[in-house]
Amino acid sequence: NRMELTALAEGIALVPEGTPATVHTDSKLVVDTLTSWAHG
């Protein structure tokens, strides 16, 4: 899980700010964490 989170952070850093993009991960845990649980 730490490697999945690190990969996502590093992947986002590859995209210039303001450039629309879809960031794909095959970890549902990471998706749920960032799009749902972290808000609460």
Full PDB file with SEQRES, HELIX, SHEET, SSBOND, CRYST1, ORIGX, SCALE, CONECT and MASTER records, all heavy atoms in Angstrom:
SEQRES   1 A   40  ASN ARG MET GLU LEU THR ALA LEU ALA GLU GLY ILE ALA          
SEQRES   2 A   40  LEU VAL PRO GLU GLY THR PRO ALA THR VAL HIS THR ASP          
SEQRES   3 A   40  SER LYS LEU VAL VAL ASP THR LEU THR SER TRP ALA HIS          
SEQRES   4 A   40  GLY                                                          
HELIX    1 AA1 ARG A    2  ALA A   13  1                                  12    
HELIX    2 AA2 LYS A   28  THR A   35  1                                   8    
HELIX    3 AA3 TRP A   37  HIS A   39  5                                   3    
CRYST1    1.000    1.000    1.000  90.00  90.00  90.00 P 1           1          
ORIGX1      1.000000  0.000000  0.000000        0.00000                         
ORIGX2      0.000000  1.000000  0.000000        0.00000                         
ORIGX3      0.000000  0.000000  1.000000        0.00000                         
SCALE1      1.000000  0.000000  0.000000        0.00000                         
SCALE2      0.000000  1.000000  0.000000        0.00000                         
SCALE3      0.000000  0.000000  1.000000        0.00000                         
ATOM      1  N   ASN A   1       0.813  -1.213   0.000  1.00  0.00           N  
ATOM      2  CA  ASN A   1       0.000   0.000   0.000  1.00  0.00           C  
ATOM      3  C   ASN A   1       0.850   1.269   0.000  1.00  0.00           C  
ATOM      4  O   ASN A   1       0.493   2.267  -0.633  1.00  0.00           O  
ATOM      5  CB  ASN A   1      -0.953  -0.004   1.196  1.00  0.00           C  
ATOM      6  CG  ASN A   1      -2.064  -1.022   1.040  1.00  0.00           C  
ATOM      7  OD1 ASN A   1      -2.410  -1.399  -0.075  1.00  0.00           O  
ATOM      8  ND2 ASN A   1      -2.619  -1.475   2.158  1.00  0.00           N  
ATOM      9  N   ARG A   2       1.971   1.243   0.703  1.00  0.00           N  
ATOM     10  CA  ARG A   2       2.846   2.416   0.696  1.00  0.00           C  
ATOM     11  C   ARG A   2       3.417   2.659  -0.701  1.00  0.00           C  
ATOM     12  O   ARG A   2       3.554   3.805  -1.141  1.00  0.00           O  
ATOM     13  CB  ARG A   2       3.977   2.246   1.717  1.00  0.00           C  
ATOM     14  CG  ARG A   2       3.508   2.337   3.156  1.00  0.00           C  
ATOM     15  CD  ARG A   2       4.677   2.363   4.125  1.00  0.00           C  
ATOM     16  NE  ARG A   2       5.437   3.614   4.028  1.00  0.00           N  
ATOM     17  CZ  ARG A   2       5.105   4.756   4.624  1.00  0.00           C  
ATOM     18  NH1 ARG A   2       3.998   4.833   5.345  1.00  0.00           N  
ATOM     19  NH2 ARG A   2       5.870   5.835   4.493  1.00  0.00           N  
ATOM     20  N   MET A   3       3.741   1.586  -1.400  1.00  0.00           N  
ATOM     21  CA  MET A   3       4.262   1.729  -2.749  1.00  0.00           C  
ATOM     22  C   MET A   3       3.184   2.220  -3.716  1.00  0.00           C  
ATOM     23  O   MET A   3       3.461   2.993  -4.634  1.00  0.00           O  
ATOM     24  CB  MET A   3       4.874   0.418  -3.233  1.00  0.00           C  
ATOM     25  CG  MET A   3       6.149   0.012  -2.505  1.00  0.00           C  
ATOM     26  SD  MET A   3       7.573   1.118  -2.817  1.00  0.00           S  
ATOM     27  CE  MET A   3       7.438   2.318  -1.473  1.00  0.00           C  
ATOM     28  N   GLU A   4       1.935   1.784  -3.514  1.00  0.00           N  
ATOM     29  CA  GLU A   4       0.832   2.266  -4.357  1.00  0.00           C  
ATOM     30  C   GLU A   4       0.624   3.771  -4.161  1.00  0.00           C  
ATOM     31  O   GLU A   4       0.436   4.513  -5.135  1.00  0.00           O  
ATOM     32  CB  GLU A   4      -0.460   1.514  -4.015  1.00  0.00           C  
ATOM     33  CG  GLU A   4      -0.467   0.034  -4.363  1.00  0.00           C  
ATOM     34  CD  GLU A   4      -0.708  -0.230  -5.838  1.00  0.00           C  
ATOM     35  OE1 GLU A   4      -0.687   0.723  -6.639  1.00  0.00           O  
ATOM     36  OE2 GLU A   4      -0.922  -1.409  -6.183  1.00  0.00           O  
ATOM     37  N   LEU A   5       0.656   4.211  -2.917  1.00  0.00           N  
ATOM     38  CA  LEU A   5       0.477   5.637  -2.625  1.00  0.00           C  
ATOM     39  C   LEU A   5       1.644   6.457  -3.172  1.00  0.00           C  
ATOM     40  O   LEU A   5       1.449   7.538  -3.740  1.00  0.00           O  
ATOM     41  CB  LEU A   5       0.356   5.835  -1.110  1.00  0.00           C  
ATOM     42  CG  LEU A   5      -0.941   5.337  -0.469  1.00  0.00           C  
ATOM     43  CD1 LEU A   5      -0.773   5.213   1.035  1.00  0.00           C  
ATOM     44  CD2 LEU A   5      -2.105   6.278  -0.793  1.00  0.00           C  
ATOM     45  N   THR A   6       2.848   5.933  -3.010  1.00  0.00           N  
ATOM     46  CA  THR A   6       4.022   6.623  -3.534  1.00  0.00           C  
ATOM     47  C   THR A   6       3.954   6.738  -5.051  1.00  0.00           C  
ATOM     48  O   THR A   6       4.267   7.789  -5.630  1.00  0.00           O  
ATOM     49  CB  THR A   6       5.306   5.887  -3.125  1.00  0.00           C  
ATOM     50  OG1 THR A   6       5.392   5.828  -1.699  1.00  0.00           O  
ATOM     51  CG2 THR A   6       6.541   6.573  -3.676  1.00  0.00           C  
ATOM     52  N   ALA A   7       3.549   5.655  -5.700  1.00  0.00           N  
ATOM     53  CA  ALA A   7       3.440   5.661  -7.159  1.00  0.00           C  
ATOM     54  C   ALA A   7       2.455   6.722  -7.636  1.00  0.00           C  
ATOM     55  O   ALA A   7       2.711   7.438  -8.620  1.00  0.00           O  
ATOM     56  CB  ALA A   7       3.004   4.282  -7.653  1.00  0.00           C  
ATOM     57  N   LEU A   8       1.334   6.847  -6.943  1.00  0.00           N  
ATOM     58  CA  LEU A   8       0.340   7.840  -7.348  1.00  0.00           C  
ATOM     59  C   LEU A   8       0.888   9.255  -7.178  1.00  0.00           C  
ATOM     60  O   LEU A   8       0.707  10.112  -8.056  1.00  0.00           O  
ATOM     61  CB  LEU A   8      -0.946   7.663  -6.547  1.00  0.00           C  
ATOM     62  CG  LEU A   8      -2.149   8.398  -7.143  1.00  0.00           C  
ATOM     63  CD1 LEU A   8      -2.684   7.637  -8.342  1.00  0.00           C  
ATOM     64  CD2 LEU A   8      -3.247   8.577  -6.114  1.00  0.00           C  
ATOM     65  N   ALA A   9       1.554   9.503  -6.062  1.00  0.00           N  
ATOM     66  CA  ALA A   9       2.125  10.825  -5.827  1.00  0.00           C  
ATOM     67  C   ALA A   9       3.162  11.175  -6.898  1.00  0.00           C  
ATOM     68  O   ALA A   9       3.174  12.292  -7.433  1.00  0.00           O  
ATOM     69  CB  ALA A   9       2.765  10.881  -4.441  1.00  0.00           C  
ATOM     70  N   GLU A  10       4.011  10.209  -7.217  1.00  0.00           N  
ATOM     71  CA  GLU A  10       5.053  10.449  -8.222  1.00  0.00           C  
ATOM     72  C   GLU A  10       4.437  10.591  -9.619  1.00  0.00           C  
ATOM     73  O   GLU A  10       4.933  11.344 -10.456  1.00  0.00           O  
ATOM     74  CB  GLU A  10       6.058   9.305  -8.207  1.00  0.00           C  
ATOM     75  CG  GLU A  10       6.846   9.181  -6.909  1.00  0.00           C  
ATOM     76  CD  GLU A  10       7.854  10.305  -6.714  1.00  0.00           C  
ATOM     77  OE1 GLU A  10       8.146  11.021  -7.690  1.00  0.00           O  
ATOM     78  OE2 GLU A  10       8.351  10.458  -5.579  1.00  0.00           O  
ATOM     79  N   GLY A  11       3.364   9.860  -9.860  1.00  0.00           N  
ATOM     80  CA  GLY A  11       2.688   9.962 -11.152  1.00  0.00           C  
ATOM     81  C   GLY A  11       2.057  11.327 -11.355  1.00  0.00           C  
ATOM     82  O   GLY A  11       2.139  11.913 -12.447  1.00  0.00           O  
ATOM     83  N   ILE A  12       1.416  11.849 -10.319  1.00  0.00           N  
ATOM     84  CA  ILE A  12       0.824  13.184 -10.405  1.00  0.00           C  
ATOM     85  C   ILE A  12       1.898  14.222 -10.698  1.00  0.00           C  
ATOM     86  O   ILE A  12       1.690  15.167 -11.477  1.00  0.00           O  
ATOM     87  CB  ILE A  12       0.083  13.512  -9.098  1.00  0.00           C  
ATOM     88  CG1 ILE A  12      -1.212  12.682  -9.011  1.00  0.00           C  
ATOM     89  CG2 ILE A  12      -0.232  15.006  -9.002  1.00  0.00           C  
ATOM     90  CD1 ILE A  12      -1.957  12.835  -7.700  1.00  0.00           C  
ATOM     91  N   ALA A  13       3.059  14.042 -10.100  1.00  0.00           N  
ATOM     92  CA  ALA A  13       4.146  14.999 -10.284  1.00  0.00           C  
ATOM     93  C   ALA A  13       4.654  15.042 -11.727  1.00  0.00           C  
ATOM     94  O   ALA A  13       5.302  16.019 -12.124  1.00  0.00           O  
ATOM     95  CB  ALA A  13       5.297  14.665  -9.340  1.00  0.00           C  
ATOM     96  N   LEU A  14       4.357  14.022 -12.507  1.00  0.00           N  
ATOM     97  CA  LEU A  14       4.788  13.995 -13.901  1.00  0.00           C  
ATOM     98  C   LEU A  14       3.961  14.913 -14.798  1.00  0.00           C  
ATOM     99  O   LEU A  14       4.396  15.272 -15.894  1.00  0.00           O  
ATOM    100  CB  LEU A  14       4.698  12.566 -14.454  1.00  0.00           C  
ATOM    101  CG  LEU A  14       5.574  11.495 -13.796  1.00  0.00           C  
ATOM    102  CD1 LEU A  14       5.306  10.138 -14.440  1.00  0.00           C  
ATOM    103  CD2 LEU A  14       7.054  11.849 -13.900  1.00  0.00           C  
ATOM    104  N   VAL A  15       2.766  15.299 -14.332  1.00  0.00           N  
ATOM    105  CA  VAL A  15       1.843  16.096 -15.147  1.00  0.00           C  
ATOM    106  C   VAL A  15       1.983  17.574 -14.808  1.00  0.00           C  
ATOM    107  O   VAL A  15       1.854  17.954 -13.634  1.00  0.00           O  
ATOM    108  CB  VAL A  15       0.385  15.649 -14.910  1.00  0.00           C  
ATOM    109  CG1 VAL A  15      -0.562  16.402 -15.841  1.00  0.00           C  
ATOM    110  CG2 VAL A  15       0.243  14.146 -15.098  1.00  0.00           C  
ATOM    111  N   PRO A  16       2.234  18.416 -15.782  1.00  0.00           N  
ATOM    112  CA  PRO A  16       2.332  19.849 -15.510  1.00  0.00           C  
ATOM    113  C   PRO A  16       1.049  20.375 -14.872  1.00  0.00           C  
ATOM    114  O   PRO A  16      -0.056  19.953 -15.233  1.00  0.00           O  
ATOM    115  CB  PRO A  16       2.544  20.462 -16.902  1.00  0.00           C  
ATOM    116  CG  PRO A  16       3.130  19.356 -17.719  1.00  0.00           C  
ATOM    117  CD  PRO A  16       2.486  18.108 -17.213  1.00  0.00           C  
ATOM    118  N   GLU A  17       1.188  21.289 -13.919  1.00  0.00           N  
ATOM    119  CA  GLU A  17       0.013  21.845 -13.254  1.00  0.00           C  
ATOM    120  C   GLU A  17      -0.897  22.523 -14.268  1.00  0.00           C  
ATOM    121  O   GLU A  17      -0.439  23.214 -15.179  1.00  0.00           O  
ATOM    122  CB  GLU A  17       0.446  22.845 -12.186  1.00  0.00           C  
ATOM    123  CG  GLU A  17       1.124  22.191 -10.998  1.00  0.00           C  
ATOM    124  CD  GLU A  17       1.340  23.165  -9.861  1.00  0.00           C  
ATOM    125  OE1 GLU A  17       0.716  24.252  -9.874  1.00  0.00           O  
ATOM    126  OE2 GLU A  17       2.130  22.845  -8.951  1.00  0.00           O  
ATOM    127  N   GLY A  18      -2.189  22.287 -14.106  1.00  0.00           N  
ATOM    128  CA  GLY A  18      -3.187  22.854 -14.999  1.00  0.00           C  
ATOM    129  C   GLY A  18      -3.508  21.990 -16.194  1.00  0.00           C  
ATOM    130  O   GLY A  18      -4.447  22.289 -16.941  1.00  0.00           O  
ATOM    131  N   THR A  19      -2.758  20.891 -16.378  1.00  0.00           N  
ATOM    132  CA  THR A  19      -3.000  19.994 -17.515  1.00  0.00           C  
ATOM    133  C   THR A  19      -3.978  18.901 -17.109  1.00  0.00           C  
ATOM    134  O   THR A  19      -3.679  18.103 -16.218  1.00  0.00           O  
ATOM    135  CB  THR A  19      -1.691  19.341 -17.989  1.00  0.00           C  
ATOM    136  OG1 THR A  19      -0.762  20.357 -18.338  1.00  0.00           O  
ATOM    137  CG2 THR A  19      -1.943  18.439 -19.184  1.00  0.00           C  
ATOM    138  N   PRO A  20      -5.148  18.824 -17.735  1.00  0.00           N  
ATOM    139  CA  PRO A  20      -6.107  17.780 -17.383  1.00  0.00           C  
ATOM    140  C   PRO A  20      -5.550  16.391 -17.699  1.00  0.00           C  
ATOM    141  O   PRO A  20      -4.899  16.184 -18.733  1.00  0.00           O  
ATOM    142  CB  PRO A  20      -7.323  18.090 -18.257  1.00  0.00           C  
ATOM    143  CG  PRO A  20      -7.160  19.529 -18.632  1.00  0.00           C  
ATOM    144  CD  PRO A  20      -5.677  19.747 -18.750  1.00  0.00           C  
ATOM    145  N   ALA A  21      -5.799  15.448 -16.812  1.00  0.00           N  
ATOM    146  CA  ALA A  21      -5.342  14.075 -17.032  1.00  0.00           C  
ATOM    147  C   ALA A  21      -6.077  13.149 -16.082  1.00  0.00           C  
ATOM    148  O   ALA A  21      -6.512  13.551 -15.000  1.00  0.00           O  
ATOM    149  CB  ALA A  21      -3.838  13.960 -16.828  1.00  0.00           C  
ATOM    150  N   THR A  22      -6.224  11.909 -16.512  1.00  0.00           N  
ATOM    151  CA  THR A  22      -6.760  10.863 -15.650  1.00  0.00           C  
ATOM    152  C   THR A  22      -5.593  10.073 -15.094  1.00  0.00           C  
ATOM    153  O   THR A  22      -4.721   9.620 -15.839  1.00  0.00           O  
ATOM    154  CB  THR A  22      -7.701   9.930 -16.425  1.00  0.00           C  
ATOM    155  OG1 THR A  22      -8.805  10.688 -16.936  1.00  0.00           O  
ATOM    156  CG2 THR A  22      -8.231   8.827 -15.519  1.00  0.00           C  
ATOM    157  N   VAL A  23      -5.580   9.918 -13.783  1.00  0.00           N  
ATOM    158  CA  VAL A  23      -4.512   9.177 -13.109  1.00  0.00           C  
ATOM    159  C   VAL A  23      -5.061   7.808 -12.721  1.00  0.00           C  
ATOM    160  O   VAL A  23      -5.981   7.700 -11.914  1.00  0.00           O  
ATOM    161  CB  VAL A  23      -4.016   9.928 -11.860  1.00  0.00           C  
ATOM    162  CG1 VAL A  23      -2.842   9.186 -11.233  1.00  0.00           C  
ATOM    163  CG2 VAL A  23      -3.613  11.357 -12.222  1.00  0.00           C  
ATOM    164  N   HIS A  24      -4.504   6.780 -13.331  1.00  0.00           N  
ATOM    165  CA  HIS A  24      -5.005   5.421 -13.148  1.00  0.00           C  
ATOM    166  C   HIS A  24      -4.204   4.677 -12.084  1.00  0.00           C  
ATOM    167  O   HIS A  24      -2.969   4.740 -12.068  1.00  0.00           O  
ATOM    168  CB  HIS A  24      -4.906   4.638 -14.458  1.00  0.00           C  
ATOM    169  CG  HIS A  24      -5.639   5.254 -15.601  1.00  0.00           C  
ATOM    170  ND1 HIS A  24      -6.964   4.976 -15.877  1.00  0.00           N  
ATOM    171  CD2 HIS A  24      -5.233   6.147 -16.547  1.00  0.00           C  
ATOM    172  CE1 HIS A  24      -7.340   5.657 -16.947  1.00  0.00           C  
ATOM    173  NE2 HIS A  24      -6.313   6.375 -17.367  1.00  0.00           N  
ATOM    174  N   THR A  25      -4.890   3.949 -11.234  1.00  0.00           N  
ATOM    175  CA  THR A  25      -4.268   3.045 -10.281  1.00  0.00           C  
ATOM    176  C   THR A  25      -5.106   1.781 -10.202  1.00  0.00           C  
ATOM    177  O   THR A  25      -6.340   1.842 -10.296  1.00  0.00           O  
ATOM    178  CB  THR A  25      -4.141   3.668  -8.880  1.00  0.00           C  
ATOM    179  OG1 THR A  25      -3.695   2.655  -7.945  1.00  0.00           O  
ATOM    180  CG2 THR A  25      -5.471   4.218  -8.387  1.00  0.00           C  
ATOM    181  N   ASP A  26      -4.468   0.628 -10.053  1.00  0.00           N  
ATOM    182  CA  ASP A  26      -5.240  -0.603  -9.929  1.00  0.00           C  
ATOM    183  C   ASP A  26      -5.479  -0.974  -8.467  1.00  0.00           C  
ATOM    184  O   ASP A  26      -5.863  -2.101  -8.168  1.00  0.00           O  
ATOM    185  CB  ASP A  26      -4.586  -1.762 -10.695  1.00  0.00           C  
ATOM    186  CG  ASP A  26      -3.167  -2.034 -10.260  1.00  0.00           C  
ATOM    187  OD1 ASP A  26      -2.805  -1.683  -9.124  1.00  0.00           O  
ATOM    188  OD2 ASP A  26      -2.399  -2.614 -11.059  1.00  0.00           O  
ATOM    189  N   SER A  27      -5.263  -0.014  -7.570  1.00  0.00           N  
ATOM    190  CA  SER A  27      -5.550  -0.219  -6.151  1.00  0.00           C  
ATOM    191  C   SER A  27      -6.857   0.478  -5.791  1.00  0.00           C  
ATOM    192  O   SER A  27      -6.926   1.711  -5.715  1.00  0.00           O  
ATOM    193  CB  SER A  27      -4.415   0.336  -5.290  1.00  0.00           C  
ATOM    194  OG  SER A  27      -4.790   0.337  -3.915  1.00  0.00           O  
ATOM    195  N   LYS A  28      -7.898  -0.288  -5.541  1.00  0.00           N  
ATOM    196  CA  LYS A  28      -9.174   0.304  -5.140  1.00  0.00           C  
ATOM    197  C   LYS A  28      -9.046   0.977  -3.779  1.00  0.00           C  
ATOM    198  O   LYS A  28      -9.743   1.964  -3.501  1.00  0.00           O  
ATOM    199  CB  LYS A  28     -10.262  -0.761  -5.109  1.00  0.00           C  
ATOM    200  CG  LYS A  28     -10.678  -1.259  -6.485  1.00  0.00           C  
ATOM    201  CD  LYS A  28     -11.852  -2.225  -6.412  1.00  0.00           C  
ATOM    202  CE  LYS A  28     -12.307  -2.643  -7.805  1.00  0.00           C  
ATOM    203  NZ  LYS A  28     -13.457  -3.580  -7.759  1.00  0.00           N  
ATOM    204  N   LEU A  29      -8.165   0.454  -2.936  1.00  0.00           N  
ATOM    205  CA  LEU A  29      -7.944   1.061  -1.632  1.00  0.00           C  
ATOM    206  C   LEU A  29      -7.452   2.497  -1.777  1.00  0.00           C  
ATOM    207  O   LEU A  29      -7.927   3.404  -1.083  1.00  0.00           O  
ATOM    208  CB  LEU A  29      -6.921   0.239  -0.839  1.00  0.00           C  
ATOM    209  CG  LEU A  29      -6.560   0.780   0.546  1.00  0.00           C  
ATOM    210  CD1 LEU A  29      -7.762   0.720   1.473  1.00  0.00           C  
ATOM    211  CD2 LEU A  29      -5.384   0.003   1.138  1.00  0.00           C  
ATOM    212  N   VAL A  30      -6.526   2.722  -2.686  1.00  0.00           N  
ATOM    213  CA  VAL A  30      -6.005   4.068  -2.906  1.00  0.00           C  
ATOM    214  C   VAL A  30      -7.088   4.985  -3.462  1.00  0.00           C  
ATOM    215  O   VAL A  30      -7.230   6.131  -3.019  1.00  0.00           O  
ATOM    216  CB  VAL A  30      -4.793   4.024  -3.857  1.00  0.00           C  
ATOM    217  CG1 VAL A  30      -4.417   5.427  -4.319  1.00  0.00           C  
ATOM    218  CG2 VAL A  30      -3.599   3.366  -3.173  1.00  0.00           C  
ATOM    219  N   VAL A  31      -7.867   4.495  -4.408  1.00  0.00           N  
ATOM    220  CA  VAL A  31      -8.948   5.303  -4.980  1.00  0.00           C  
ATOM    221  C   VAL A  31      -9.948   5.691  -3.898  1.00  0.00           C  
ATOM    222  O   VAL A  31     -10.320   6.868  -3.766  1.00  0.00           O  
ATOM    223  CB  VAL A  31      -9.655   4.553  -6.125  1.00  0.00           C  
ATOM    224  CG1 VAL A  31     -10.878   5.341  -6.604  1.00  0.00           C  
ATOM    225  CG2 VAL A  31      -8.704   4.319  -7.285  1.00  0.00           C  
ATOM    226  N   ASP A  32     -10.402   4.717  -3.122  1.00  0.00           N  
ATOM    227  CA  ASP A  32     -11.374   4.995  -2.062  1.00  0.00           C  
ATOM    228  C   ASP A  32     -10.802   5.947  -1.016  1.00  0.00           C  
ATOM    229  O   ASP A  32     -11.502   6.835  -0.518  1.00  0.00           O  
ATOM    230  CB  ASP A  32     -11.799   3.694  -1.382  1.00  0.00           C  
ATOM    231  CG  ASP A  32     -12.680   2.832  -2.269  1.00  0.00           C  
ATOM    232  OD1 ASP A  32     -13.249   3.360  -3.242  1.00  0.00           O  
ATOM    233  OD2 ASP A  32     -12.790   1.615  -2.001  1.00  0.00           O  
ATOM    234  N   THR A  33      -9.531   5.770  -0.689  1.00  0.00           N  
ATOM    235  CA  THR A  33      -8.898   6.630   0.302  1.00  0.00           C  
ATOM    236  C   THR A  33      -8.916   8.091  -0.134  1.00  0.00           C  
ATOM    237  O   THR A  33      -9.313   8.983   0.626  1.00  0.00           O  
ATOM    238  CB  THR A  33      -7.442   6.184   0.542  1.00  0.00           C  
ATOM    239  OG1 THR A  33      -7.439   4.886   1.135  1.00  0.00           O  
ATOM    240  CG2 THR A  33      -6.718   7.156   1.476  1.00  0.00           C  
ATOM    241  N   LEU A  34      -8.515   8.347  -1.377  1.00  0.00           N  
ATOM    242  CA  LEU A  34      -8.360   9.721  -1.837  1.00  0.00           C  
ATOM    243  C   LEU A  34      -9.642  10.379  -2.309  1.00  0.00           C  
ATOM    244  O   LEU A  34      -9.775  11.604  -2.252  1.00  0.00           O  
ATOM    245  CB  LEU A  34      -7.318   9.764  -2.958  1.00  0.00           C  
ATOM    246  CG  LEU A  34      -5.899   9.356  -2.538  1.00  0.00           C  
ATOM    247  CD1 LEU A  34      -4.992   9.307  -3.748  1.00  0.00           C  
ATOM    248  CD2 LEU A  34      -5.337  10.313  -1.493  1.00  0.00           C  
ATOM    249  N   THR A  35     -10.591   9.581  -2.782  1.00  0.00           N  
ATOM    250  CA  THR A  35     -11.823  10.164  -3.316  1.00  0.00           C  
ATOM    251  C   THR A  35     -12.984  10.135  -2.321  1.00  0.00           C  
ATOM    252  O   THR A  35     -13.997  10.793  -2.552  1.00  0.00           O  
ATOM    253  CB  THR A  35     -12.265   9.444  -4.600  1.00  0.00           C  
ATOM    254  OG1 THR A  35     -12.561   8.072  -4.294  1.00  0.00           O  
ATOM    255  CG2 THR A  35     -11.163   9.494  -5.649  1.00  0.00           C  
ATOM    256  N   SER A  36     -12.843   9.383  -1.234  1.00  0.00           N  
ATOM    257  CA  SER A  36     -13.955   9.246  -0.295  1.00  0.00           C  
ATOM    258  C   SER A  36     -13.511   9.379   1.164  1.00  0.00           C  
ATOM    259  O   SER A  36     -13.822  10.365   1.832  1.00  0.00           O  
ATOM    260  CB  SER A  36     -14.644   7.891  -0.506  1.00  0.00           C  
ATOM    261  OG  SER A  36     -15.699   7.715   0.412  1.00  0.00           O  
ATOM    262  N   TRP A  37     -12.762   8.424   1.655  1.00  0.00           N  
ATOM    263  CA  TRP A  37     -12.480   8.347   3.085  1.00  0.00           C  
ATOM    264  C   TRP A  37     -11.704   9.534   3.623  1.00  0.00           C  
ATOM    265  O   TRP A  37     -11.955  10.000   4.734  1.00  0.00           O  
ATOM    266  CB  TRP A  37     -11.726   7.054   3.392  1.00  0.00           C  
ATOM    267  CG  TRP A  37     -12.450   5.823   2.956  1.00  0.00           C  
ATOM    268  CD1 TRP A  37     -13.801   5.672   2.802  1.00  0.00           C  
ATOM    269  CD2 TRP A  37     -11.861   4.564   2.604  1.00  0.00           C  
ATOM    270  NE1 TRP A  37     -14.089   4.398   2.374  1.00  0.00           N  
ATOM    271  CE2 TRP A  37     -12.924   3.692   2.248  1.00  0.00           C  
ATOM    272  CE3 TRP A  37     -10.555   4.093   2.559  1.00  0.00           C  
ATOM    273  CZ2 TRP A  37     -12.691   2.379   1.855  1.00  0.00           C  
ATOM    274  CZ3 TRP A  37     -10.333   2.780   2.176  1.00  0.00           C  
ATOM    275  CH2 TRP A  37     -11.392   1.938   1.823  1.00  0.00           C  
ATOM    276  N   ALA A  38     -10.723  10.021   2.874  1.00  0.00           N  
ATOM    277  CA  ALA A  38      -9.866  11.098   3.377  1.00  0.00           C  
ATOM    278  C   ALA A  38     -10.643  12.370   3.692  1.00  0.00           C  
ATOM    279  O   ALA A  38     -10.260  13.125   4.592  1.00  0.00           O  
ATOM    280  CB  ALA A  38      -8.752  11.395   2.379  1.00  0.00           C  
ATOM    281  N   HIS A  39     -11.731  12.608   2.974  1.00  0.00           N  
ATOM    282  CA  HIS A  39     -12.539  13.796   3.247  1.00  0.00           C  
ATOM    283  C   HIS A  39     -13.078  13.754   4.680  1.00  0.00           C  
ATOM    284  O   HIS A  39     -13.009  14.750   5.412  1.00  0.00           O  
ATOM    285  CB  HIS A  39     -13.702  13.894   2.257  1.00  0.00           C  
ATOM    286  CG  HIS A  39     -13.268  14.159   0.848  1.00  0.00           C  
ATOM    287  ND1 HIS A  39     -13.031  15.424   0.378  1.00  0.00           N  
ATOM    288  CD2 HIS A  39     -13.024  13.311  -0.183  1.00  0.00           C  
ATOM    289  CE1 HIS A  39     -12.659  15.363  -0.895  1.00  0.00           C  
ATOM    290  NE2 HIS A  39     -12.648  14.083  -1.259  1.00  0.00           N  
ATOM    291  N   GLY A  40     -13.604  12.596   5.087  1.00  0.00           N  
ATOM    292  CA  GLY A  40     -14.130  12.446   6.436  1.00  0.00           C  
ATOM    293  C   GLY A  40     -13.035  12.450   7.481  1.00  0.00           C  
ATOM    294  O   GLY A  40     -13.194  13.041   8.562  1.00  0.00           O  
TER     295      GLY A  40                                                      
MASTER        0    0    0    3    0    0    0    6  294    1    0    4          
END                                                                             
